[in-house]
Amino acid sequence: DLSHSPLMIEIGDELGSNYTGGIETIQAKYPSIEAMNRPIPSGAEFNMELLITPDKTGPFVIYVKNVAIPHISDDSHYPRQGIVDHQNEFVQKFTIEVNP
């Protein structure tokens, strides 16, 4: 129920990094999906549902994060600590074991 269509990011695409809103950039190291909703009224909730079919067995890793724009403090993103992705931004990591 997002107001903007999701954007598929391919390896090598230019992405913003370090929560700078595109001022600092990197090249994507792996595929990802970016989705947004703007403007967001205070207290609003939005959902995104994905159907992903891994192409091989074994561990399949998903990184999840939320970044509010404008990014004005550590309260503008979730998670606020932990591991970072290729954009040098904090992510929550989920690992799914794909069976044959």
PDB file of N, CA and C in Angstrom:
ATOM      1  N   ASP A   1       0.813  -1.203   0.000  1.00  0.00           N
ATOM      2  CA  ASP A   1       0.000   0.000   0.000  1.00  0.00           C
ATOM      3  C   ASP A   1       0.860   1.272   0.000  1.00  0.00           C
ATOM      4  N   LEU A   2       1.996   1.215  -0.670  1.00  0.00           N
ATOM      5  CA  LEU A   2       2.889   2.369  -0.744  1.00  0.00           C
ATOM      6  C   LEU A   2       2.505   3.262  -1.919  1.00  0.00           C
ATOM      7  N   SER A   3       2.804   4.543  -1.798  1.00  0.00           N
ATOM      8  CA  SER A   3       2.403   5.501  -2.832  1.00  0.00           C
ATOM      9  C   SER A   3       3.347   5.538  -4.033  1.00  0.00           C
ATOM     10  N   HIS A   4       4.540   4.969  -3.904  1.00  0.00           N
ATOM     11  CA  HIS A   4       5.502   4.935  -5.005  1.00  0.00           C
ATOM     12  C   HIS A   4       5.780   3.479  -5.371  1.00  0.00           C
ATOM     13  N   SER A   5       5.939   3.201  -6.636  1.00  0.00           N
ATOM     14  CA  SER A   5       6.241   1.840  -7.078  1.00  0.00           C
ATOM     15  C   SER A   5       7.624   1.432  -6.591  1.00  0.00           C
ATOM     16  N   PRO A   6       7.789   0.163  -6.175  1.00  0.00           N
ATOM     17  CA  PRO A   6       9.110  -0.316  -5.761  1.00  0.00           C
ATOM     18  C   PRO A   6      10.110  -0.215  -6.913  1.00  0.00           C
ATOM     19  N   LEU A   7      11.364   0.012  -6.573  1.00  0.00           N
ATOM     20  CA  LEU A   7      12.438   0.142  -7.549  1.00  0.00           C
ATOM     21  C   LEU A   7      13.397  -1.029  -7.368  1.00  0.00           C
ATOM     22  N   MET A   8      13.639  -1.778  -8.429  1.00  0.00           N
ATOM     23  CA  MET A   8      14.585  -2.887  -8.375  1.00  0.00           C
ATOM     24  C   MET A   8      15.986  -2.345  -8.583  1.00  0.00           C
ATOM     25  N   ILE A   9      16.871  -2.635  -7.642  1.00  0.00           N
ATOM     26  CA  ILE A   9      18.270  -2.208  -7.703  1.00  0.00           C
ATOM     27  C   ILE A   9      19.096  -3.402  -8.174  1.00  0.00           C
ATOM     28  N   GLU A  10      19.885  -3.207  -9.212  1.00  0.00           N
ATOM     29  CA  GLU A  10      20.738  -4.268  -9.750  1.00  0.00           C
ATOM     30  C   GLU A  10      22.189  -4.036  -9.327  1.00  0.00           C
ATOM     31  N   ILE A  11      22.987  -5.090  -9.356  1.00  0.00           N
ATOM     32  CA  ILE A  11      24.413  -4.975  -9.050  1.00  0.00           C
ATOM     33  C   ILE A  11      25.027  -3.914  -9.968  1.00  0.00           C
ATOM     34  N   GLY A  12      25.781  -2.991  -9.372  1.00  0.00           N
ATOM     35  CA  GLY A  12      26.434  -1.925 -10.134  1.00  0.00           C
ATOM     36  C   GLY A  12      25.658  -0.624 -10.207  1.00  0.00           C
ATOM     37  N   ASP A  13      24.362  -0.651  -9.857  1.00  0.00           N
ATOM     38  CA  ASP A  13      23.581   0.589  -9.845  1.00  0.00           C
ATOM     39  C   ASP A  13      24.121   1.544  -8.784  1.00  0.00           C
ATOM     40  N   GLU A  14      24.010   2.839  -9.026  1.00  0.00           N
ATOM     41  CA  GLU A  14      24.455   3.847  -8.067  1.00  0.00           C
ATOM     42  C   GLU A  14      23.381   4.051  -7.000  1.00  0.00           C
ATOM     43  N   LEU A  15      23.813   4.033  -5.734  1.00  0.00           N
ATOM     44  CA  LEU A  15      22.912   4.187  -4.590  1.00  0.00           C
ATOM     45  C   LEU A  15      23.452   5.229  -3.631  1.00  0.00           C
ATOM     46  N   GLY A  16      22.561   5.907  -2.936  1.00  0.00           N
ATOM     47  CA  GLY A  16      22.983   6.777  -1.845  1.00  0.00           C
ATOM     48  C   GLY A  16      23.554   5.942  -0.712  1.00  0.00           C
ATOM     49  N   SER A  17      24.424   6.536   0.088  1.00  0.00           N
ATOM     50  CA  SER A  17      25.013   5.809   1.215  1.00  0.00           C
ATOM     51  C   SER A  17      25.182   6.728   2.414  1.00  0.00           C
ATOM     52  N   ASN A  18      25.433   6.114   3.553  1.00  0.00           N
ATOM     53  CA  ASN A  18      25.718   6.832   4.800  1.00  0.00           C
ATOM     54  C   ASN A  18      24.603   7.793   5.216  1.00  0.00           C
ATOM     55  N   TYR A  19      23.360   7.468   4.879  1.00  0.00           N
ATOM     56  CA  TYR A  19      22.207   8.300   5.249  1.00  0.00           C
ATOM     57  C   TYR A  19      22.326   9.740   4.747  1.00  0.00           C
ATOM     58  N   THR A  20      22.940   9.944   3.577  1.00  0.00           N
ATOM     59  CA  THR A  20      23.159  11.308   3.080  1.00  0.00           C
ATOM     60  C   THR A  20      22.141  11.744   2.031  1.00  0.00           C
ATOM     61  N   GLY A  21      21.148  10.917   1.755  1.00  0.00           N
ATOM     62  CA  GLY A  21      20.138  11.296   0.776  1.00  0.00           C
ATOM     63  C   GLY A  21      20.676  11.419  -0.636  1.00  0.00           C
ATOM     64  N   GLY A  22      21.720  10.666  -0.948  1.00  0.00           N
ATOM     65  CA  GLY A  22      22.273  10.671  -2.295  1.00  0.00           C
ATOM     66  C   GLY A  22      23.492  11.543  -2.483  1.00  0.00           C
ATOM     67  N   ILE A  23      23.879  12.297  -1.457  1.00  0.00           N
ATOM     68  CA  ILE A  23      25.084  13.128  -1.565  1.00  0.00           C
ATOM     69  C   ILE A  23      26.317  12.232  -1.686  1.00  0.00           C
ATOM     70  N   GLU A  24      26.392  11.191  -0.848  1.00  0.00           N
ATOM     71  CA  GLU A  24      27.445  10.184  -0.963  1.00  0.00           C
ATOM     72  C   GLU A  24      26.832   8.979  -1.658  1.00  0.00           C
ATOM     73  N   THR A  25      27.578   8.369  -2.579  1.00  0.00           N
ATOM     74  CA  THR A  25      27.042   7.226  -3.315  1.00  0.00           C
ATOM     75  C   THR A  25      28.030   6.064  -3.352  1.00  0.00           C
ATOM     76  N   ILE A  26      27.479   4.895  -3.632  1.00  0.00           N
ATOM     77  CA  ILE A  26      28.260   3.673  -3.830  1.00  0.00           C
ATOM     78  C   ILE A  26      27.631   2.928  -5.001  1.00  0.00           C
ATOM     79  N   GLN A  27      28.306   1.879  -5.465  1.00  0.00           N
ATOM     80  CA  GLN A  27      27.711   0.985  -6.449  1.00  0.00           C
ATOM     81  C   GLN A  27      27.168  -0.235  -5.718  1.00  0.00           C
ATOM     82  N   ALA A  28      25.954  -0.651  -6.071  1.00  0.00           N
ATOM     83  CA  ALA A  28      25.313  -1.790  -5.420  1.00  0.00           C
ATOM     84  C   ALA A  28      26.156  -3.053  -5.592  1.00  0.00           C
ATOM     85  N   LYS A  29      26.331  -3.787  -4.498  1.00  0.00           N
ATOM     86  CA  LYS A  29      27.088  -5.037  -4.525  1.00  0.00           C
ATOM     87  C   LYS A  29      26.181  -6.245  -4.686  1.00  0.00           C
ATOM     88  N   TYR A  30      24.886  -6.066  -4.483  1.00  0.00           N
ATOM     89  CA  TYR A  30      23.922  -7.153  -4.633  1.00  0.00           C
ATOM     90  C   TYR A  30      22.561  -6.553  -4.975  1.00  0.00           C
ATOM     91  N   PRO A  31      21.663  -7.352  -5.548  1.00  0.00           N
ATOM     92  CA  PRO A  31      20.337  -6.843  -5.899  1.00  0.00           C
ATOM     93  C   PRO A  31      19.538  -6.482  -4.652  1.00  0.00           C
ATOM     94  N   SER A  32      18.661  -5.509  -4.789  1.00  0.00           N
ATOM     95  CA  SER A  32      17.785  -5.132  -3.674  1.00  0.00           C
ATOM     96  C   SER A  32      16.533  -4.457  -4.224  1.00  0.00           C
ATOM     97  N   ILE A  33      15.592  -4.220  -3.335  1.00  0.00           N
ATOM     98  CA  ILE A  33      14.353  -3.530  -3.689  1.00  0.00           C
ATOM     99  C   ILE A  33      14.215  -2.330  -2.775  1.00  0.00           C
ATOM    100  N   GLU A  34      13.947  -1.181  -3.365  1.00  0.00           N
ATOM    101  CA  GLU A  34      13.741   0.045  -2.593  1.00  0.00           C
ATOM    102  C   GLU A  34      12.306   0.506  -2.816  1.00  0.00           C
ATOM    103  N   ALA A  35      11.612   0.760  -1.717  1.00  0.00           N
ATOM    104  CA  ALA A  35      10.226   1.225  -1.814  1.00  0.00           C
ATOM    105  C   ALA A  35      10.032   2.381  -0.852  1.00  0.00           C
ATOM    106  N   MET A  36       9.144   3.303  -1.212  1.00  0.00           N
ATOM    107  CA  MET A  36       8.945   4.463  -0.342  1.00  0.00           C
ATOM    108  C   MET A  36       7.509   4.943  -0.379  1.00  0.00           C
ATOM    109  N   ASN A  37       7.205   5.741   0.605  1.00  0.00           N
ATOM    110  CA  ASN A  37       5.899   6.369   0.705  1.00  0.00           C
ATOM    111  C   ASN A  37       6.118   7.798   1.165  1.00  0.00           C
ATOM    112  N   ARG A  38       5.705   8.763   0.361  1.00  0.00           N
ATOM    113  CA  ARG A  38       5.867  10.173   0.722  1.00  0.00           C
ATOM    114  C   ARG A  38       4.667  10.944   0.239  1.00  0.00           C
ATOM    115  N   PRO A  39       4.159  11.853   1.005  1.00  0.00           N
ATOM    116  CA  PRO A  39       4.479  12.112   2.411  1.00  0.00           C
ATOM    117  C   PRO A  39       3.830  11.060   3.308  1.00  0.00           C
ATOM    118  N   ILE A  40       4.305  11.000   4.535  1.00  0.00           N
ATOM    119  CA  ILE A  40       3.759  10.058   5.504  1.00  0.00           C
ATOM    120  C   ILE A  40       3.148  10.846   6.653  1.00  0.00           C
ATOM    121  N   PRO A  41       1.837  10.759   6.823  1.00  0.00           N
ATOM    122  CA  PRO A  41       1.206  11.442   7.954  1.00  0.00           C
ATOM    123  C   PRO A  41       1.661  10.824   9.280  1.00  0.00           C
ATOM    124  N   SER A  42       1.721  11.610  10.307  1.00  0.00           N
ATOM    125  CA  SER A  42       2.115  11.135  11.628  1.00  0.00           C
ATOM    126  C   SER A  42       1.209   9.991  12.067  1.00  0.00           C
ATOM    127  N   GLY A  43       1.818   8.916  12.556  1.00  0.00           N
ATOM    128  CA  GLY A  43       1.065   7.779  13.066  1.00  0.00           C
ATOM    129  C   GLY A  43       0.583   6.799  12.013  1.00  0.00           C
ATOM    130  N   ALA A  44       0.854   7.067  10.753  1.00  0.00           N
ATOM    131  CA  ALA A  44       0.392   6.180   9.679  1.00  0.00           C
ATOM    132  C   ALA A  44       1.222   4.898   9.639  1.00  0.00           C
ATOM    133  N   GLU A  45       0.607   3.817   9.199  1.00  0.00           N
ATOM    134  CA  GLU A  45       1.297   2.542   9.020  1.00  0.00           C
ATOM    135  C   GLU A  45       1.131   2.087   7.582  1.00  0.00           C
ATOM    136  N   PHE A  46       2.199   1.530   7.020  1.00  0.00           N
ATOM    137  CA  PHE A  46       2.176   1.033   5.654  1.00  0.00           C
ATOM    138  C   PHE A  46       2.820  -0.339   5.620  1.00  0.00           C
ATOM    139  N   ASN A  47       2.452  -1.139   4.639  1.00  0.00           N
ATOM    140  CA  ASN A  47       2.945  -2.506   4.529  1.00  0.00           C
ATOM    141  C   ASN A  47       3.474  -2.773   3.131  1.00  0.00           C
ATOM    142  N   MET A  48       4.413  -3.713   3.072  1.00  0.00           N
ATOM    143  CA  MET A  48       4.925  -4.175   1.793  1.00  0.00           C
ATOM    144  C   MET A  48       5.014  -5.692   1.863  1.00  0.00           C
ATOM    145  N   GLU A  49       4.459  -6.361   0.887  1.00  0.00           N
ATOM    146  CA  GLU A  49       4.492  -7.819   0.834  1.00  0.00           C
ATOM    147  C   GLU A  49       5.291  -8.235  -0.390  1.00  0.00           C
ATOM    148  N   LEU A  50       6.232  -9.173  -0.188  1.00  0.00           N
ATOM    149  CA  LEU A  50       7.094  -9.633  -1.275  1.00  0.00           C
ATOM    150  C   LEU A  50       6.958 -11.134  -1.459  1.00  0.00           C
ATOM    151  N   LEU A  51       7.052 -11.589  -2.682  1.00  0.00           N
ATOM    152  CA  LEU A  51       7.149 -13.008  -2.996  1.00  0.00           C
ATOM    153  C   LEU A  51       8.507 -13.200  -3.654  1.00  0.00           C
ATOM    154  N   ILE A  52       9.394 -13.915  -2.966  1.00  0.00           N
ATOM    155  CA  ILE A  52      10.764 -14.110  -3.439  1.00  0.00           C
ATOM    156  C   ILE A  52      10.987 -15.600  -3.632  1.00  0.00           C
ATOM    157  N   THR A  53      11.519 -15.986  -4.780  1.00  0.00           N
ATOM    158  CA  THR A  53      11.820 -17.387  -5.059  1.00  0.00           C
ATOM    159  C   THR A  53      13.330 -17.531  -5.239  1.00  0.00           C
ATOM    160  N   PRO A  54      14.044 -18.021  -4.204  1.00  0.00           N
ATOM    161  CA  PRO A  54      15.491 -18.206  -4.330  1.00  0.00           C
ATOM    162  C   PRO A  54      15.807 -19.209  -5.443  1.00  0.00           C
ATOM    163  N   ASP A  55      16.945 -19.017  -6.116  1.00  0.00           N
ATOM    164  CA  ASP A  55      17.302 -19.889  -7.231  1.00  0.00           C
ATOM    165  C   ASP A  55      18.233 -21.032  -6.846  1.00  0.00           C
ATOM    166  N   LYS A  56      18.574 -21.159  -5.557  1.00  0.00           N
ATOM    167  CA  LYS A  56      19.406 -22.279  -5.121  1.00  0.00           C
ATOM    168  C   LYS A  56      19.098 -22.616  -3.663  1.00  0.00           C
ATOM    169  N   THR A  57      19.488 -23.810  -3.257  1.00  0.00           N
ATOM    170  CA  THR A  57      19.280 -24.241  -1.878  1.00  0.00           C
ATOM    171  C   THR A  57      20.365 -23.655  -0.978  1.00  0.00           C
ATOM    172  N   GLY A  58      20.108 -23.720   0.325  1.00  0.00           N
ATOM    173  CA  GLY A  58      21.056 -23.204   1.302  1.00  0.00           C
ATOM    174  C   GLY A  58      20.545 -21.922   1.925  1.00  0.00           C
ATOM    175  N   PRO A  59      21.411 -21.211   2.641  1.00  0.00           N
ATOM    176  CA  PRO A  59      20.968 -19.990   3.316  1.00  0.00           C
ATOM    177  C   PRO A  59      20.636 -18.877   2.322  1.00  0.00           C
ATOM    178  N   PHE A  60      19.537 -18.192   2.570  1.00  0.00           N
ATOM    179  CA  PHE A  60      19.113 -17.040   1.774  1.00  0.00           C
ATOM    180  C   PHE A  60      18.964 -15.885   2.753  1.00  0.00           C
ATOM    181  N   VAL A  61      19.737 -14.825   2.556  1.00  0.00           N
ATOM    182  CA  VAL A  61      19.789 -13.708   3.502  1.00  0.00           C
ATOM    183  C   VAL A  61      18.955 -12.537   2.987  1.00  0.00           C
ATOM    184  N   ILE A  62      18.174 -11.960   3.902  1.00  0.00           N
ATOM    185  CA  ILE A  62      17.383 -10.768   3.596  1.00  0.00           C
ATOM    186  C   ILE A  62      17.767  -9.685   4.600  1.00  0.00           C
ATOM    187  N   TYR A  63      18.108  -8.503   4.103  1.00  0.00           N
ATOM    188  CA  TYR A  63      18.378  -7.346   4.953  1.00  0.00           C
ATOM    189  C   TYR A  63      17.168  -6.417   4.896  1.00  0.00           C
ATOM    190  N   VAL A  64      16.749  -5.930   6.057  1.00  0.00           N
ATOM    191  CA  VAL A  64      15.595  -5.032   6.136  1.00  0.00           C
ATOM    192  C   VAL A  64      16.002  -3.774   6.889  1.00  0.00           C
ATOM    193  N   LYS A  65      15.573  -2.616   6.370  1.00  0.00           N
ATOM    194  CA  LYS A  65      15.822  -1.353   7.065  1.00  0.00           C
ATOM    195  C   LYS A  65      14.725  -0.369   6.715  1.00  0.00           C
ATOM    196  N   ASN A  66      14.623   0.660   7.522  1.00  0.00           N
ATOM    197  CA  ASN A  66      13.681   1.743   7.289  1.00  0.00           C
ATOM    198  C   ASN A  66      14.435   3.050   7.484  1.00  0.00           C
ATOM    199  N   VAL A  67      14.333   3.937   6.508  1.00  0.00           N
ATOM    200  CA  VAL A  67      15.014   5.229   6.597  1.00  0.00           C
ATOM    201  C   VAL A  67      13.999   6.331   6.338  1.00  0.00           C
ATOM    202  N   ALA A  68      13.852   7.224   7.308  1.00  0.00           N
ATOM    203  CA  ALA A  68      12.962   8.377   7.142  1.00  0.00           C
ATOM    204  C   ALA A  68      13.723   9.500   6.447  1.00  0.00           C
ATOM    205  N   ILE A  69      13.020  10.196   5.562  1.00  0.00           N
ATOM    206  CA  ILE A  69      13.621  11.323   4.849  1.00  0.00           C
ATOM    207  C   ILE A  69      12.806  12.564   5.165  1.00  0.00           C
ATOM    208  N   PRO A  70      13.408  13.651   5.601  1.00  0.00           N
ATOM    209  CA  PRO A  70      14.850  13.840   5.711  1.00  0.00           C
ATOM    210  C   PRO A  70      15.414  13.081   6.912  1.00  0.00           C
ATOM    211  N   HIS A  71      16.635  12.602   6.747  1.00  0.00           N
ATOM    212  CA  HIS A  71      17.323  11.873   7.815  1.00  0.00           C
ATOM    213  C   HIS A  71      18.008  12.905   8.699  1.00  0.00           C
ATOM    214  N   ILE A  72      17.426  13.157   9.876  1.00  0.00           N
ATOM    215  CA  ILE A  72      17.943  14.237  10.725  1.00  0.00           C
ATOM    216  C   ILE A  72      18.630  13.760  11.993  1.00  0.00           C
ATOM    217  N   SER A  73      18.455  12.483  12.357  1.00  0.00           N
ATOM    218  CA  SER A  73      19.104  11.955  13.558  1.00  0.00           C
ATOM    219  C   SER A  73      19.051  10.434  13.514  1.00  0.00           C
ATOM    220  N   ASP A  74      19.636   9.791  14.533  1.00  0.00           N
ATOM    221  CA  ASP A  74      19.568   8.332  14.622  1.00  0.00           C
ATOM    222  C   ASP A  74      18.139   7.834  14.775  1.00  0.00           C
ATOM    223  N   ASP A  75      17.218   8.695  15.197  1.00  0.00           N
ATOM    224  CA  ASP A  75      15.807   8.307  15.286  1.00  0.00           C
ATOM    225  C   ASP A  75      15.160   8.210  13.904  1.00  0.00           C
ATOM    226  N   SER A  76      15.871   8.622  12.865  1.00  0.00           N
ATOM    227  CA  SER A  76      15.329   8.620  11.506  1.00  0.00           C
ATOM    228  C   SER A  76      15.532   7.298  10.777  1.00  0.00           C
ATOM    229  N   HIS A  77      16.139   6.315  11.440  1.00  0.00           N
ATOM    230  CA  HIS A  77      16.299   5.019  10.784  1.00  0.00           C
ATOM    231  C   HIS A  77      16.134   3.869  11.777  1.00  0.00           C
ATOM    232  N   TYR A  78      15.781   2.705  11.217  1.00  0.00           N
ATOM    233  CA  TYR A  78      15.673   1.467  11.990  1.00  0.00           C
ATOM    234  C   TYR A  78      16.325   0.365  11.175  1.00  0.00           C
ATOM    235  N   PRO A  79      17.129  -0.460  11.806  1.00  0.00           N
ATOM    236  CA  PRO A  79      17.580  -0.378  13.190  1.00  0.00           C
ATOM    237  C   PRO A  79      18.593   0.747  13.380  1.00  0.00           C
ATOM    238  N   ARG A  80      18.881   1.032  14.632  1.00  0.00           N
ATOM    239  CA  ARG A  80      19.807   2.126  14.949  1.00  0.00           C
ATOM    240  C   ARG A  80      21.223   1.644  15.225  1.00  0.00           C
ATOM    241  N   GLN A  81      21.398   0.329  15.255  1.00  0.00           N
ATOM    242  CA  GLN A  81      22.723  -0.237  15.516  1.00  0.00           C
ATOM    243  C   GLN A  81      22.781  -1.642  14.933  1.00  0.00           C
ATOM    244  N   GLY A  82      23.968  -2.234  14.952  1.00  0.00           N
ATOM    245  CA  GLY A  82      24.118  -3.600  14.462  1.00  0.00           C
ATOM    246  C   GLY A  82      24.965  -3.674  13.214  1.00  0.00           C
ATOM    247  N   ILE A  83      24.587  -4.574  12.317  1.00  0.00           N
ATOM    248  CA  ILE A  83      25.361  -4.757  11.092  1.00  0.00           C
ATOM    249  C   ILE A  83      24.963  -3.708  10.060  1.00  0.00           C
ATOM    250  N   VAL A  84      25.888  -3.427   9.148  1.00  0.00           N
ATOM    251  CA  VAL A  84      25.617  -2.449   8.092  1.00  0.00           C
ATOM    252  C   VAL A  84      25.640  -3.148   6.736  1.00  0.00           C
ATOM    253  N   ASP A  85      24.899  -2.588   5.796  1.00  0.00           N
ATOM    254  CA  ASP A  85      24.836  -3.134   4.442  1.00  0.00           C
ATOM    255  C   ASP A  85      25.861  -2.443   3.548  1.00  0.00           C
ATOM    256  N   HIS A  86      25.770  -2.695   2.242  1.00  0.00           N
ATOM    257  CA  HIS A  86      26.728  -2.099   1.303  1.00  0.00           C
ATOM    258  C   HIS A  86      26.570  -0.586   1.189  1.00  0.00           C
ATOM    259  N   GLN A  87      25.477  -0.026   1.708  1.00  0.00           N
ATOM    260  CA  GLN A  87      25.286   1.426   1.731  1.00  0.00           C
ATOM    261  C   GLN A  87      25.823   2.043   3.024  1.00  0.00           C
ATOM    262  N   ASN A  88      26.460   1.217   3.860  1.00  0.00           N
ATOM    263  CA  ASN A  88      26.961   1.636   5.168  1.00  0.00           C
ATOM    264  C   ASN A  88      25.822   2.165   6.043  1.00  0.00           C
ATOM    265  N   GLU A  89      24.675   1.475   5.969  1.00  0.00           N
ATOM    266  CA  GLU A  89      23.494   1.817   6.763  1.00  0.00           C
ATOM    267  C   GLU A  89      23.058   0.575   7.532  1.00  0.00           C
ATOM    268  N   PHE A  90      22.559   0.769   8.749  1.00  0.00           N
ATOM    269  CA  PHE A  90      22.181  -0.357   9.598  1.00  0.00           C
ATOM    270  C   PHE A  90      21.020  -1.145   9.007  1.00  0.00           C
ATOM    271  N   VAL A  91      21.102  -2.475   9.142  1.00  0.00           N
ATOM    272  CA  VAL A  91      20.054  -3.370   8.656  1.00  0.00           C
ATOM    273  C   VAL A  91      19.767  -4.443   9.695  1.00  0.00           C
ATOM    274  N   GLN A  92      18.575  -4.995   9.620  1.00  0.00           N
ATOM    275  CA  GLN A  92      18.232  -6.179  10.392  1.00  0.00           C
ATOM    276  C   GLN A  92      18.366  -7.355   9.435  1.00  0.00           C
ATOM    277  N   LYS A  93      19.068  -8.390   9.859  1.00  0.00           N
ATOM    278  CA  LYS A  93      19.360  -9.531   8.993  1.00  0.00           C
ATOM    279  C   LYS A  93      18.449 -10.707   9.333  1.00  0.00           C
ATOM    280  N   PHE A  94      17.840 -11.274   8.297  1.00  0.00           N
ATOM    281  CA  PHE A  94      17.037 -12.481   8.429  1.00  0.00           C
ATOM    282  C   PHE A  94      17.643 -13.530   7.506  1.00  0.00           C
ATOM    283  N   THR A  95      17.836 -14.742   8.020  1.00  0.00           N
ATOM    284  CA  THR A  95      18.363 -15.834   7.207  1.00  0.00           C
ATOM    285  C   THR A  95      17.325 -16.936   7.126  1.00  0.00           C
ATOM    286  N   ILE A  96      17.039 -17.358   5.910  1.00  0.00           N
ATOM    287  CA  ILE A  96      16.076 -18.422   5.653  1.00  0.00           C
ATOM    288  C   ILE A  96      16.834 -19.578   5.024  1.00  0.00           C
ATOM    289  N   GLU A  97      16.596 -20.796   5.498  1.00  0.00           N
ATOM    290  CA  GLU A  97      17.228 -21.974   4.908  1.00  0.00           C
ATOM    291  C   GLU A  97      16.326 -22.506   3.799  1.00  0.00           C
ATOM    292  N   VAL A  98      16.831 -22.495   2.577  1.00  0.00           N
ATOM    293  CA  VAL A  98      16.072 -22.964   1.416  1.00  0.00           C
ATOM    294  C   VAL A  98      16.378 -24.441   1.207  1.00  0.00           C
ATOM    295  N   ASN A  99      15.341 -25.271   1.249  1.00  0.00           N
ATOM    296  CA  ASN A  99      15.487 -26.713   1.061  1.00  0.00           C
ATOM    297  C   ASN A  99      15.273 -27.088  -0.401  1.00  0.00           C
ATOM    298  N   PRO A 100      15.886 -28.211  -0.812  1.00  0.00           N
ATOM    299  CA  PRO A 100      15.710 -28.659  -2.206  1.00  0.00           C
ATOM    300  C   PRO A 100      14.261 -29.048  -2.501  1.00  0.00           C
TER     301      PRO A 100
END
